């Protein structure tokens, strides 16, 4: 992604932040209170110097002790009120901003779950993690602090400047003149800071991706002795992030230094001119003290503008990165139809074609196949022939780009996704296990499964090893199931698919990591399961083909031959070449 934002991109970033405003609606009253308290606090800050002027020019000048105590108590009360309001504002805004952040994060996570595999294949997971964590936190901080104080500081500067002009015009004009270079510098730095902020946020996502990939691929890295190579790539990304962050910090430091210098220089000029005016009797001592006090009260609002505007730019680019995900098209939308109370599981492929986004050629084209209820079909083909893609289309992990797939005569695109993914269960060759207990992993597709059903699935998948784990089914599996062997992960994935009690069971080379003895036991049990469901088996091993009633040969992106294993072995040379190395098939064909 380009980090160089045009003027149009910056406007879009601002509108992205505005689009998130509806998440603040449930906390509207709290945000209103926050503004009210902040406004009263600013008012107290302005009134205190005016009260000081009244004390000096009134009770002190006239030696009025009663009036002095009264105005002193009033000024003290204003200070206490300002402190109490600051506490209340921060307490009230915390729930509002945290609630807003949680609402956005929840919807963002739900959006990621709805987006198809084609989206996730284009995005690094570290970039998504950066958006759902770092960018949301940046946006929340701005909504709870930066946005309010940008408005309040500008209001305070404007009101105080008007009061200063009324007190003594020459000194007021000095203060007014000092605002001009600040405004010009803010406008000048805005473009560069926005560009650097976007680069920092994108590069943070790249670093997060490097960490995640290294954690998931730790075994491979160690096996091949590539720790130095992986570290070098991480180090390069980290240094790039460091250099960009340093450039942004340097820009901010220069900006903030200038904003600190302007009020100091202005104060020196005001003190000099004010002392001359007071000496000539043009202004009273109380007016001069109040003027200087008000001017000092502007030091923080002016100096903070750099910090607040930097926060605003970071929040706008963060919101833009968040909205990029919200704007991603939901290519796979929920259908409106439902299957009847009894699902037979008849699967039909009718002229099916599929092409990945931005690809030039079709992965599949003109695929036609009918699978009867209770029948098992094995998909056989060379590596890259599209077998796994074809199975993914059944459960709508992708959508066909031509033709249609039906279950019991209903196009899967017209079915409600929740029902479709209850009807179709898949056990993958490289299964994903989550950092939760064995029981939770097994019942992921059917949380209400009984203990008897869980035990039955464990027996079928030959996954009795779970009973030997420290806490049995309640043992927590490490992230991605890295503490288990490949065969153990496959057996748990198979048990998980069986527990779901689907009408259509897809086995994507699920037995590839099993030893011969375990495979034979699992296949014997699978034959009983497949007899009750419609089965689609991606076969790379000879013994897996023998589970099927028929075999479909995928070649050149389409199904070229369909028949029994014996028929294809006898009549199709390509099929014989694919499986010639497996002596089991030769024995079975005799």
Protein backbone atom coordinates (compact mmCIF):
# COMPACT_ATOMS: atom_id res chain seq x y z
CA UNK A 1 0.00 0.00 0.00
CA UNK A 2 1.23 3.44 -0.84
CA UNK A 3 2.09 5.52 2.18
CA UNK A 4 2.11 8.76 0.17
CA UNK A 5 -1.26 10.38 0.71
CA UNK A 6 -2.53 12.91 -1.79
CA UNK A 7 -4.79 15.79 -0.79
CA UNK A 8 -7.71 13.60 -1.78
CA UNK A 9 -6.41 10.81 0.46
CA UNK A 10 -6.12 13.22 3.40
CA UNK A 11 -9.69 14.36 2.90
CA UNK A 12 -10.72 10.72 2.82
CA UNK A 13 -8.84 10.12 6.08
CA UNK A 14 -10.83 12.90 7.74
CA UNK A 15 -14.09 11.54 6.39
CA UNK A 16 -13.13 8.06 7.62
CA UNK A 17 -12.92 9.40 11.16
CA UNK A 18 -16.29 11.08 10.69
CA UNK A 19 -17.81 7.79 9.49
CA UNK A 20 -17.02 6.17 12.83
CA UNK A 21 -19.15 8.72 14.68
CA UNK A 22 -22.20 6.44 14.94
CA UNK A 23 -20.26 4.23 17.36
CA UNK A 24 -20.30 7.21 19.74
CA UNK A 25 -24.12 7.49 19.66
CA UNK A 26 -24.81 5.20 22.67
CA UNK A 27 -22.55 7.47 24.74
CA UNK A 28 -23.85 10.77 23.38
CA UNK A 29 -24.90 12.05 26.81
CA UNK A 30 -21.46 11.32 28.27
CA UNK A 31 -19.75 13.14 25.41
CA UNK A 32 -22.06 16.13 25.92
CA UNK A 33 -21.22 16.18 29.64
CA UNK A 34 -17.55 15.98 28.74
CA UNK A 35 -17.84 19.06 26.51
CA UNK A 36 -19.84 20.94 29.15
CA UNK A 37 -17.33 20.20 31.90
CA UNK A 38 -14.42 21.13 29.65
CA UNK A 39 -16.13 24.38 28.65
CA UNK A 40 -16.80 25.31 32.28
CA UNK A 41 -13.19 24.47 33.11
CA UNK A 42 -11.94 26.76 30.33
CA UNK A 43 -14.30 29.45 31.60
CA UNK A 44 -12.85 29.13 35.10
CA UNK A 45 -9.33 29.40 33.68
CA UNK A 46 -10.27 32.69 32.00
CA UNK A 47 -12.25 34.11 34.93
CA UNK A 48 -9.49 33.58 37.55
CA UNK A 49 -7.15 36.25 36.04
CA UNK A 50 -10.10 38.64 35.76
CA UNK A 51 -10.85 38.00 39.43
CA UNK A 52 -7.18 38.67 40.21
CA UNK A 53 -7.45 42.00 38.35
CA UNK A 54 -10.51 42.89 40.42
CA UNK A 55 -8.67 42.00 43.66
CA UNK A 56 -5.61 44.09 42.83
CA UNK A 57 -7.44 47.13 41.48
CA UNK A 58 -10.18 46.94 44.14
CA UNK A 59 -9.64 45.60 47.68
CA UNK A 60 -5.84 45.73 47.56
CA UNK A 61 -5.71 49.25 46.14
CA UNK A 62 -8.33 50.45 48.67
CA UNK A 63 -7.06 48.25 51.54
CA UNK A 64 -10.50 46.62 51.74
CA UNK A 65 -9.92 43.47 53.82
CA UNK A 66 -13.51 42.18 53.58
CA UNK A 67 -13.57 42.59 49.81
CA UNK A 68 -10.14 40.96 49.56
CA UNK A 69 -11.28 37.89 51.47
CA UNK A 70 -14.46 37.65 49.40
CA UNK A 71 -12.72 37.90 46.02
CA UNK A 72 -9.92 35.64 47.24
CA UNK A 73 -12.45 33.00 48.27
CA UNK A 74 -14.17 33.38 44.91
CA UNK A 75 -10.90 32.88 43.03
CA UNK A 76 -10.03 29.87 45.20
CA UNK A 77 -13.48 28.38 44.58
CA UNK A 78 -12.96 28.72 40.84
CA UNK A 79 -9.70 26.78 41.13
CA UNK A 80 -11.39 23.99 43.11
CA UNK A 81 -14.28 23.86 40.63
CA UNK A 82 -11.84 23.57 37.73
CA UNK A 83 -10.03 20.66 39.44
CA UNK A 84 -13.30 18.82 40.23
CA UNK A 85 -14.57 19.28 36.67
CA UNK A 86 -11.29 17.94 35.28
CA UNK A 87 -11.70 14.78 37.40
CA UNK A 88 -15.36 14.33 36.36
CA UNK A 89 -14.54 14.89 32.68
CA UNK A 90 -11.84 12.25 32.66
CA UNK A 91 -13.99 9.78 34.57
CA UNK A 92 -17.00 10.26 32.28
CA UNK A 93 -15.07 10.17 29.03
CA UNK A 94 -13.21 6.95 29.86
CA UNK A 95 -16.34 4.80 29.62
CA UNK A 96 -17.54 6.58 26.49
CA UNK A 97 -14.28 6.23 24.57
CA UNK A 98 -13.56 2.67 25.72
CA UNK A 99 -17.13 1.70 24.80
CA UNK A 100 -16.71 3.29 21.38
CA UNK A 101 -13.41 1.46 20.84
CA UNK A 102 -14.96 -1.86 21.88
CA UNK A 103 -17.90 -1.35 19.53
CA UNK A 104 -15.66 -0.64 16.55
CA UNK A 105 -13.36 -3.55 17.39
CA UNK A 106 -16.29 -5.98 17.70
CA UNK A 107 -17.75 -4.95 14.34
CA UNK A 108 -14.32 -5.01 12.73
CA UNK A 109 -13.73 -8.56 13.95
CA UNK A 110 -17.16 -9.61 12.71
CA UNK A 111 -16.35 -8.04 9.33
CA UNK A 112 -13.11 -10.00 9.12
CA UNK A 113 -15.05 -13.20 9.77
CA UNK A 114 -17.45 -12.41 6.93
CA UNK A 115 -14.80 -11.55 4.35
CA UNK A 116 -13.86 -14.38 1.98
CA UNK A 117 -10.58 -16.24 1.78
CA UNK A 118 -9.66 -14.17 -1.28
CA UNK A 119 -9.49 -11.09 0.97
CA UNK A 120 -7.37 -12.77 3.64
CA UNK A 121 -4.99 -14.16 1.02
CA UNK A 122 -4.21 -10.57 -0.05
CA UNK A 123 -3.69 -9.15 3.46
CA UNK A 124 -0.95 -9.96 5.93
CA UNK A 125 -2.39 -10.98 9.28
CA UNK A 126 0.00 -8.56 11.02
CA UNK A 127 -1.56 -5.66 9.12
CA UNK A 128 -5.02 -6.75 10.27
CA UNK A 129 -3.76 -7.13 13.84
CA UNK A 130 -2.23 -3.65 13.72
CA UNK A 131 -5.53 -2.15 12.59
CA UNK A 132 -7.74 -3.92 15.12
CA UNK A 133 -5.42 -3.08 18.04
CA UNK A 134 -3.01 -0.18 17.48
CA UNK A 135 -5.12 1.91 15.10
CA UNK A 136 -8.22 1.57 17.23
CA UNK A 137 -6.32 2.62 20.34
CA UNK A 138 -4.98 5.66 18.48
CA UNK A 139 -8.49 6.63 17.37
CA UNK A 140 -9.87 6.16 20.90
CA UNK A 141 -7.21 8.40 22.43
CA UNK A 142 -8.02 11.16 19.97
CA UNK A 143 -11.77 10.93 20.53
CA UNK A 144 -11.35 11.03 24.30
CA UNK A 145 -8.68 13.70 24.52
CA UNK A 146 -7.38 15.22 21.31
CA UNK A 147 -10.62 16.20 19.59
CA UNK A 148 -12.04 17.89 22.70
CA UNK A 149 -8.91 19.88 23.44
CA UNK A 150 -8.33 20.98 19.87
CA UNK A 151 -11.77 22.61 20.01
CA UNK A 152 -11.39 23.92 23.56
CA UNK A 153 -7.88 25.25 23.02
CA UNK A 154 -8.92 27.11 19.89
CA UNK A 155 -11.94 28.53 21.75
CA UNK A 156 -9.76 29.50 24.71
CA UNK A 157 -7.20 31.20 22.47
CA UNK A 158 -9.92 33.10 20.60
CA UNK A 159 -11.81 34.27 23.73
CA UNK A 160 -8.62 35.18 25.62
CA UNK A 161 -7.29 37.14 22.65
CA UNK A 162 -10.53 39.15 22.46
CA UNK A 163 -10.33 39.90 26.22
CA UNK A 164 -6.69 40.95 25.88
CA UNK A 165 -7.59 43.29 23.03
CA UNK A 166 -10.26 44.87 25.22
CA UNK A 167 -7.85 45.29 28.11
CA UNK A 168 -5.13 47.05 26.10
CA UNK A 169 -5.15 47.05 22.31
CA UNK A 170 -1.37 47.32 21.62
CA UNK A 171 -0.58 44.32 23.80
CA UNK A 172 -3.57 42.44 22.39
CA UNK A 173 -2.25 43.01 18.87
CA UNK A 174 1.12 41.57 19.90
CA UNK A 175 -0.63 38.41 21.08
CA UNK A 176 -2.76 38.30 17.93
CA UNK A 177 0.33 38.66 15.74
CA UNK A 178 2.01 35.73 17.48
CA UNK A 179 -0.81 33.43 16.40
CA UNK A 180 -0.08 33.97 12.69
CA UNK A 181 3.26 32.05 12.48
CA UNK A 182 1.76 29.24 14.56
CA UNK A 183 -1.12 28.87 12.11
CA UNK A 184 1.19 28.91 9.08
CA UNK A 185 3.49 26.29 10.58
CA UNK A 186 0.53 24.02 11.42
CA UNK A 187 -0.63 24.15 7.81
CA UNK A 188 2.89 23.52 6.52
CA UNK A 189 3.57 20.50 8.73
CA UNK A 190 0.18 18.84 8.23
CA UNK A 191 1.04 17.14 4.91
CA UNK A 192 4.44 15.80 5.98
CA UNK A 193 3.18 14.53 9.33
CA UNK A 194 0.22 12.77 7.71
CA UNK A 195 2.51 11.00 5.26
CA UNK A 196 4.93 9.90 7.99
CA UNK A 197 2.09 8.76 10.28
CA UNK A 198 0.69 6.51 7.55
CA UNK A 199 4.14 5.05 6.91
CA UNK A 200 4.66 4.34 10.62
CA UNK A 201 1.30 2.61 10.95
CA UNK A 202 1.81 0.49 7.82
CA UNK A 203 5.35 -0.45 8.86
CA UNK A 204 4.12 -1.36 12.34
CA UNK A 205 1.81 -3.86 10.64
CA UNK A 206 4.76 -5.25 8.65
CA UNK A 207 6.78 -5.77 11.84
CA UNK A 208 3.80 -7.49 13.50
CA UNK A 209 3.53 -9.79 10.46
CA UNK A 210 7.21 -10.69 10.76
CA UNK A 211 6.80 -11.58 14.43
CA UNK A 212 3.69 -13.66 13.75
CA UNK A 213 5.25 -15.56 10.84
CA UNK A 214 8.38 -16.28 12.87
CA UNK A 215 6.30 -17.59 15.78
CA UNK A 216 4.17 -19.86 13.57
CA UNK A 217 7.11 -21.04 11.49
CA UNK A 218 9.56 -21.51 14.37
CA UNK A 219 9.99 -25.24 13.78
CA UNK A 220 10.74 -24.76 10.08
CA UNK A 221 13.18 -21.94 10.83
CA UNK A 222 15.05 -24.09 13.34
CA UNK A 223 15.04 -27.19 11.15
CA UNK A 224 16.62 -25.34 8.23
CA UNK A 225 18.93 -23.22 10.36
CA UNK A 226 17.52 -19.99 8.93
CA UNK A 227 17.32 -18.01 12.16
CA UNK A 228 19.89 -15.48 10.92
CA UNK A 229 18.06 -15.00 7.62
CA UNK A 230 14.68 -14.49 9.32
CA UNK A 231 16.24 -12.19 11.90
CA UNK A 232 17.83 -10.11 9.12
CA UNK A 233 14.42 -9.59 7.48
CA UNK A 234 12.88 -8.65 10.82
CA UNK A 235 15.79 -6.35 11.61
CA UNK A 236 15.41 -4.59 8.24
CA UNK A 237 11.73 -3.94 8.86
CA UNK A 238 12.39 -2.82 12.42
CA UNK A 239 15.09 -0.39 11.27
CA UNK A 240 12.80 0.98 8.61
CA UNK A 241 10.12 1.54 11.26
CA UNK A 242 12.73 3.15 13.52
CA UNK A 243 13.91 5.55 10.81
CA UNK A 244 10.38 6.58 9.86
CA UNK A 245 9.36 6.98 13.51
CA UNK A 246 12.49 9.03 14.15
CA UNK A 247 11.73 11.28 11.17
CA UNK A 248 8.22 11.82 12.50
CA UNK A 249 9.51 12.52 16.01
CA UNK A 250 12.07 14.99 14.63
CA UNK A 251 9.37 16.81 12.70
CA UNK A 252 7.19 16.95 15.84
CA UNK A 253 10.11 18.12 17.99
CA UNK A 254 10.86 21.01 15.63
CA UNK A 255 7.19 21.94 15.57
CA UNK A 256 6.74 21.78 19.33
CA UNK A 257 9.96 23.73 19.94
CA UNK A 258 8.70 26.52 17.73
CA UNK A 259 5.37 26.52 19.56
CA UNK A 260 7.20 26.77 22.88
CA UNK A 261 9.36 29.66 21.67
CA UNK A 262 6.49 31.80 20.32
CA UNK A 263 4.64 32.22 23.67
CA UNK A 264 7.95 32.90 25.49
CA UNK A 265 8.96 35.62 23.03
CA UNK A 266 5.45 37.05 23.16
CA UNK A 267 5.58 37.11 26.97
CA UNK A 268 8.90 39.00 26.96
CA UNK A 269 7.51 41.62 24.58
CA UNK A 270 4.30 41.97 26.61
CA UNK A 271 6.24 42.34 29.87
CA UNK A 272 8.36 45.08 28.36
CA UNK A 273 5.54 47.03 26.74
CA UNK A 274 3.23 46.40 29.73
CA UNK A 275 5.79 47.74 32.21
CA UNK A 276 6.17 50.90 30.15
CA UNK A 277 2.39 51.31 29.89
CA UNK A 278 1.93 50.70 33.64
CA UNK A 279 4.71 53.19 34.43
CA UNK A 280 2.96 55.85 32.36
CA UNK A 281 -0.39 55.06 33.98
CA UNK A 282 -1.95 53.88 30.74
CA UNK A 283 -2.96 50.56 32.37
CA UNK A 284 -3.48 49.69 36.02
CA UNK A 285 -1.30 47.24 37.89
CA UNK A 286 -4.25 44.85 38.14
CA UNK A 287 -4.79 45.01 34.39
CA UNK A 288 -1.12 44.24 33.75
CA UNK A 289 -1.13 41.28 36.15
CA UNK A 290 -4.38 39.95 34.64
CA UNK A 291 -2.97 40.43 31.13
CA UNK A 292 0.19 38.51 31.95
CA UNK A 293 -1.78 35.79 33.74
CA UNK A 294 -4.11 35.38 30.76
CA UNK A 295 -1.14 35.31 28.44
CA UNK A 296 0.48 32.61 30.55
CA UNK A 297 -2.76 30.66 30.40
CA UNK A 298 -2.32 30.60 26.60
CA UNK A 299 1.12 28.97 26.76
CA UNK A 300 -0.30 25.44 27.20
CA UNK A 301 -3.09 25.76 24.58
CA UNK A 302 -0.66 27.12 21.99
CA UNK A 303 2.18 24.72 22.80
CA UNK A 304 -0.25 21.78 22.89
CA UNK A 305 -1.51 22.51 19.38
CA UNK A 306 1.46 20.68 17.91
CA UNK A 307 0.81 17.58 20.01
CA UNK A 308 -2.94 17.72 19.40
CA UNK A 309 -2.64 18.24 15.66
CA UNK A 310 -0.15 15.36 15.50
CA UNK A 311 -2.64 13.20 17.37
CA UNK A 312 -5.37 14.30 14.94
CA UNK A 313 -3.30 13.27 11.91
CA UNK A 314 -2.47 9.90 13.46
CA UNK A 315 -6.13 9.33 14.31
CA UNK A 316 -7.28 10.23 10.80
CA UNK A 317 -4.81 7.88 9.13
CA UNK A 318 -5.67 5.18 11.68
CA UNK A 319 -9.40 5.64 10.97
CA UNK A 320 -8.69 5.45 7.24
CA UNK A 321 -6.88 2.13 7.71
CA UNK A 322 -9.83 0.82 9.76
CA UNK A 323 -12.40 1.96 7.21
CA UNK A 324 -10.40 0.21 4.46
CA UNK A 325 -11.49 -3.07 6.03
CA UNK A 326 -15.08 -1.95 6.56
CA UNK A 327 -15.18 -0.91 2.88
CA UNK A 328 -13.90 -4.27 1.66
CA UNK A 329 -16.63 -5.93 -0.36
CA UNK A 330 -18.54 -8.80 1.23
CA UNK A 331 -18.21 -10.98 -1.85
CA UNK A 332 -19.92 -13.92 -0.17
CA UNK A 333 -23.32 -12.72 1.03
CA UNK A 334 -25.92 -14.67 2.96
CA UNK A 335 -28.66 -16.34 0.94
CA UNK A 336 -32.33 -16.37 1.82
CA UNK A 337 -33.28 -20.01 1.27
CA UNK A 338 -33.14 -22.97 3.62
CA UNK A 339 -33.07 -26.68 2.93
CA UNK A 340 -35.92 -28.85 4.15
CA UNK A 341 -35.99 -30.57 7.54
CA UNK A 342 -34.40 -33.65 5.95
CA UNK A 343 -31.24 -32.98 3.95
CA UNK A 344 -30.40 -35.76 1.52
CA UNK A 345 -26.99 -34.38 0.57
CA UNK A 346 -27.23 -34.61 -3.22
CA UNK A 347 -24.38 -32.48 -4.60
CA UNK A 348 -24.26 -31.20 -8.16
CA UNK A 349 -21.54 -29.31 -10.04
CA UNK A 350 -23.00 -27.65 -13.13
CA UNK A 351 -20.53 -26.00 -15.50
CA UNK A 352 -18.48 -24.79 -12.54
CA UNK A 353 -15.66 -22.36 -13.21
CA UNK A 354 -13.40 -20.44 -10.85
CA UNK A 355 -10.72 -17.80 -11.22
CA UNK A 356 -8.82 -16.07 -8.43
CA UNK A 357 -9.15 -12.26 -8.30
CA UNK A 358 -6.58 -10.52 -10.55
CA UNK A 359 -5.60 -13.86 -12.12
CA UNK A 360 -5.38 -14.22 -15.90
CA UNK A 361 -6.48 -17.85 -16.20
CA UNK A 362 -9.19 -20.06 -14.72
CA UNK A 363 -8.30 -22.59 -12.06
CA UNK A 364 -11.44 -24.56 -12.92
CA UNK A 365 -13.73 -24.51 -15.94
CA UNK A 366 -16.74 -26.52 -17.11
CA UNK A 367 -16.71 -28.89 -14.14
CA UNK A 368 -19.76 -31.16 -14.21
CA UNK A 369 -20.42 -33.88 -11.65
CA UNK A 370 -23.40 -35.35 -9.81
CA UNK A 371 -22.93 -37.04 -6.43
CA UNK A 372 -25.87 -39.04 -5.12
CA UNK A 373 -26.86 -39.05 -1.43
CA UNK A 374 -24.68 -41.49 0.49
CA UNK A 375 -22.20 -41.79 -2.37
CA UNK A 376 -18.49 -41.05 -1.94
CA UNK A 377 -16.45 -39.58 -4.80
CA UNK A 378 -12.67 -39.30 -4.76
CA UNK A 379 -11.07 -36.34 -6.54
CA UNK A 380 -7.74 -37.33 -8.08
CA UNK A 381 -5.40 -35.08 -10.00
CA UNK A 382 -1.91 -33.72 -10.24
CA UNK A 383 -0.68 -31.12 -7.76
CA UNK A 384 -2.25 -27.76 -8.59
CA UNK A 385 -5.11 -29.26 -10.60
CA UNK A 386 -7.71 -27.51 -8.40
CA UNK A 387 -8.94 -30.34 -6.16
CA UNK A 388 -8.85 -28.37 -2.91
CA UNK A 389 -10.33 -25.28 -4.58
CA UNK A 390 -13.24 -27.37 -5.83
CA UNK A 391 -14.00 -28.60 -2.30
CA UNK A 392 -13.76 -25.04 -0.94
CA UNK A 393 -16.44 -23.96 -3.38
CA UNK A 394 -18.95 -26.40 -1.85
CA UNK A 395 -18.94 -24.63 1.53
CA UNK A 396 -18.55 -21.21 -0.15
CA UNK A 397 -15.12 -20.41 1.20
CA UNK A 398 -14.91 -19.06 -2.33
CA UNK A 399 -17.76 -18.44 -4.74
CA UNK A 400 -17.85 -19.90 -8.24
CA UNK A 401 -17.14 -17.43 -11.03
CA UNK A 402 -19.11 -19.51 -13.53
CA UNK A 403 -21.80 -22.17 -13.32
CA UNK A 404 -23.31 -23.32 -10.04
CA UNK A 405 -23.05 -25.84 -7.23
CA UNK A 406 -26.24 -27.27 -5.76
CA UNK A 407 -27.20 -29.25 -2.68
CA UNK A 408 -30.52 -31.06 -3.03
CA UNK A 409 -31.17 -28.94 -6.12
CA UNK A 410 -30.66 -25.55 -4.38
CA UNK A 411 -27.80 -23.29 -5.46
CA UNK A 412 -25.45 -22.94 -2.48
CA UNK A 413 -25.33 -19.17 -3.11
CA UNK A 414 -29.04 -19.00 -2.31
CA UNK A 415 -28.69 -20.85 1.01
CA UNK A 416 -28.21 -19.26 4.39
CA UNK A 417 -24.54 -19.52 5.22
CA UNK A 418 -25.18 -20.78 8.75
CA UNK A 419 -27.14 -23.77 7.46
CA UNK A 420 -24.79 -24.43 4.55
CA UNK A 421 -21.83 -24.72 6.89
CA UNK A 422 -23.77 -27.05 9.16
CA UNK A 423 -24.66 -29.24 6.20
CA UNK A 424 -21.09 -29.29 4.83
CA UNK A 425 -18.15 -30.16 7.13
CA UNK A 426 -14.52 -30.27 6.04
CA UNK A 427 -11.42 -31.88 7.51
CA UNK A 428 -8.33 -30.25 6.00
CA UNK A 429 -4.94 -31.74 5.24
CA UNK A 430 -3.24 -29.02 7.31
CA UNK A 431 -5.82 -28.49 10.06
CA UNK A 432 -6.06 -25.40 12.22
CA UNK A 433 -6.40 -25.96 15.95
CA UNK A 434 -7.07 -23.11 18.34
CA UNK A 435 -5.51 -22.18 21.66
CA UNK A 436 -8.29 -23.75 23.69
CA UNK A 437 -9.05 -27.12 25.25
CA UNK A 438 -9.24 -30.36 23.27
CA UNK A 439 -12.98 -30.52 24.01
CA UNK A 440 -13.57 -26.99 22.69
CA UNK A 441 -11.62 -27.78 19.52
CA UNK A 442 -13.60 -30.97 18.95
CA UNK A 443 -17.01 -29.37 19.47
CA UNK A 444 -16.23 -26.19 17.51
CA UNK A 445 -18.83 -27.02 14.87
CA UNK A 446 -21.37 -28.44 17.31
CA UNK A 447 -21.03 -27.12 20.87
CA UNK A 448 -24.03 -29.15 22.09
CA UNK A 449 -22.43 -32.52 21.27
CA UNK A 450 -22.87 -35.10 24.00
CA UNK A 451 -20.05 -36.93 25.76
CA UNK A 452 -21.03 -40.13 23.97
CA UNK A 453 -20.79 -38.43 20.57
CA UNK A 454 -17.39 -36.98 21.45
CA UNK A 455 -16.10 -40.37 22.54
CA UNK A 456 -17.49 -41.99 19.39
CA UNK A 457 -15.72 -39.44 17.18
CA UNK A 458 -12.46 -39.92 19.09
CA UNK A 459 -12.67 -43.69 18.54
CA UNK A 460 -13.47 -43.24 14.84
CA UNK A 461 -10.53 -40.87 14.29
CA UNK A 462 -8.21 -43.07 16.37
CA UNK A 463 -7.51 -40.03 18.56
CA UNK A 464 -7.31 -41.93 21.85
CA UNK A 465 -4.04 -40.08 22.55
CA UNK A 466 -6.15 -37.24 24.03
CA UNK A 467 -6.83 -39.39 27.10
CA UNK A 468 -3.09 -39.49 27.81
CA UNK A 469 -2.79 -35.69 27.88
CA UNK A 470 -2.27 -34.15 31.36
CA UNK A 471 -5.92 -33.12 31.79
CA UNK A 472 -7.54 -35.29 29.15
CA UNK A 473 -10.13 -33.47 27.05
CA UNK A 474 -9.70 -30.38 29.19
CA UNK A 475 -6.04 -30.02 28.27
CA UNK A 476 -5.37 -26.70 26.59
CA UNK A 477 -3.75 -27.08 23.17
CA UNK A 478 -1.02 -24.62 22.27
CA UNK A 479 -1.55 -22.08 19.52
CA UNK A 480 -1.99 -23.77 16.10
CA UNK A 481 -1.72 -27.13 17.92
CA UNK A 482 2.09 -26.89 17.72
CA UNK A 483 2.46 -29.20 20.73
CA UNK A 484 0.89 -32.05 18.70
CA UNK A 485 2.25 -34.02 15.79
CA UNK A 486 0.85 -33.62 12.29
CA UNK A 487 -0.99 -36.93 12.54
CA UNK A 488 -2.51 -36.02 15.90
CA UNK A 489 -3.75 -32.70 14.52
CA UNK A 490 -5.29 -34.45 11.52
CA UNK A 491 -7.08 -36.97 13.72
CA UNK A 492 -8.54 -34.22 15.90
CA UNK A 493 -9.68 -32.35 12.78
CA UNK A 494 -11.33 -35.50 11.46
CA UNK A 495 -13.10 -36.08 14.79
CA UNK A 496 -14.25 -32.43 14.75
CA UNK A 497 -15.76 -32.85 11.28
CA UNK A 498 -17.54 -36.11 12.24
CA UNK A 499 -19.02 -34.62 15.45
CA UNK A 500 -20.72 -31.92 13.34
CA UNK A 501 -22.92 -34.67 11.79
CA UNK A 502 -22.92 -33.13 8.31
CA UNK A 503 -24.90 -34.29 5.32
CA UNK A 504 -21.84 -33.68 3.13
CA UNK A 505 -18.41 -34.61 4.48
CA UNK A 506 -15.32 -33.29 2.69
CA UNK A 507 -11.96 -34.92 3.41
CA UNK A 508 -9.13 -32.86 1.95
CA UNK A 509 -6.37 -35.48 2.08
CA UNK A 510 -7.07 -35.76 5.79
CA UNK A 511 -5.10 -38.98 6.32
CA UNK A 512 -1.82 -37.89 4.73
CA UNK A 513 0.09 -37.57 8.04
CA UNK A 514 -1.03 -40.91 9.53
CA UNK A 515 1.14 -43.97 9.80
CA UNK A 516 0.02 -47.06 7.91
CA UNK A 517 -1.39 -48.87 10.96
CA UNK A 518 -3.41 -45.85 12.19
CA UNK A 519 -4.55 -45.07 8.65
CA UNK A 520 -5.94 -48.57 8.23
CA UNK A 521 -7.92 -48.29 11.49
CA UNK A 522 -9.26 -44.82 10.55
CA UNK A 523 -10.23 -45.95 7.03
CA UNK A 524 -12.16 -48.89 8.41
CA UNK A 525 -14.17 -46.57 10.66
CA UNK A 526 -14.55 -43.96 7.90
CA UNK A 527 -16.24 -46.47 5.63
CA UNK A 528 -19.06 -46.73 8.18
CA UNK A 529 -19.33 -42.93 8.44
CA UNK A 530 -19.21 -42.32 4.69
CA UNK A 531 -21.99 -44.84 4.17
CA UNK A 532 -24.35 -42.41 5.96
CA UNK A 533 -23.25 -39.16 4.28
CA UNK A 534 -22.32 -37.77 0.89
CA UNK A 535 -18.54 -37.88 0.75
CA UNK A 536 -16.03 -35.86 -1.28
CA UNK A 537 -12.51 -37.12 -0.76
CA UNK A 538 -9.41 -35.39 -2.09
CA UNK A 539 -7.07 -38.29 -2.64
CA UNK A 540 -3.29 -38.24 -2.92
CA UNK A 541 -2.75 -41.67 -1.42
CA UNK A 542 -3.80 -44.91 -3.02
CA UNK A 543 -5.58 -46.25 0.04
CA UNK A 544 -7.74 -43.13 0.29
CA UNK A 545 -9.08 -43.67 -3.24
CA UNK A 546 -10.39 -47.06 -2.16
CA UNK A 547 -12.80 -45.35 0.27
CA UNK A 548 -14.76 -43.95 -2.70
CA UNK A 549 -17.54 -45.45 -4.76
CA UNK A 550 -16.41 -43.48 -7.82
CA UNK A 551 -13.35 -41.52 -8.84
CA UNK A 552 -13.29 -38.18 -10.70
CA UNK A 553 -10.06 -37.28 -12.51
CA UNK A 554 -9.23 -33.56 -12.57
CA UNK A 555 -6.95 -32.53 -15.41
CA UNK A 556 -6.44 -29.15 -17.03
CA UNK A 557 -8.92 -27.51 -14.67
CA UNK A 558 -11.86 -29.77 -15.46
CA UNK A 559 -13.11 -33.30 -14.79
CA UNK A 560 -12.06 -35.44 -17.73
CA UNK A 561 -13.06 -38.91 -16.52
CA UNK A 562 -15.48 -40.33 -13.95
CA UNK A 563 -15.77 -43.99 -13.05
CA UNK A 564 -14.79 -46.65 -10.56
CA UNK A 565 -11.19 -47.00 -9.56
CA UNK A 566 -10.86 -50.25 -11.54
CA UNK A 567 -12.35 -48.67 -14.69
CA UNK A 568 -10.05 -45.65 -14.64
CA UNK A 569 -7.01 -47.76 -13.83
CA UNK A 570 -7.76 -49.97 -16.81
CA UNK A 571 -8.83 -47.30 -19.32
CA UNK A 572 -7.10 -43.99 -18.47
CA UNK A 573 -3.35 -43.74 -18.86
CA UNK A 574 -3.07 -40.44 -16.99
CA UNK A 575 -4.79 -41.99 -13.98
CA UNK A 576 -2.40 -44.95 -14.04
CA UNK A 577 0.58 -42.60 -14.20
CA UNK A 578 -0.64 -40.60 -11.21
CA UNK A 579 -1.05 -43.69 -9.05
CA UNK A 580 1.45 -46.07 -10.65
CA UNK A 581 3.87 -45.78 -7.74
CA UNK A 582 1.34 -47.14 -5.25
CA UNK A 583 1.37 -50.91 -5.14
CA UNK A 584 -1.84 -50.99 -3.08
CA UNK A 585 -3.84 -49.85 -6.09
CA UNK A 586 -2.36 -52.47 -8.30
CA UNK A 587 -3.36 -55.12 -5.81
CA UNK A 588 -6.87 -53.66 -5.48
CA UNK A 589 -7.37 -53.60 -9.26
CA UNK A 590 -6.74 -57.31 -9.63
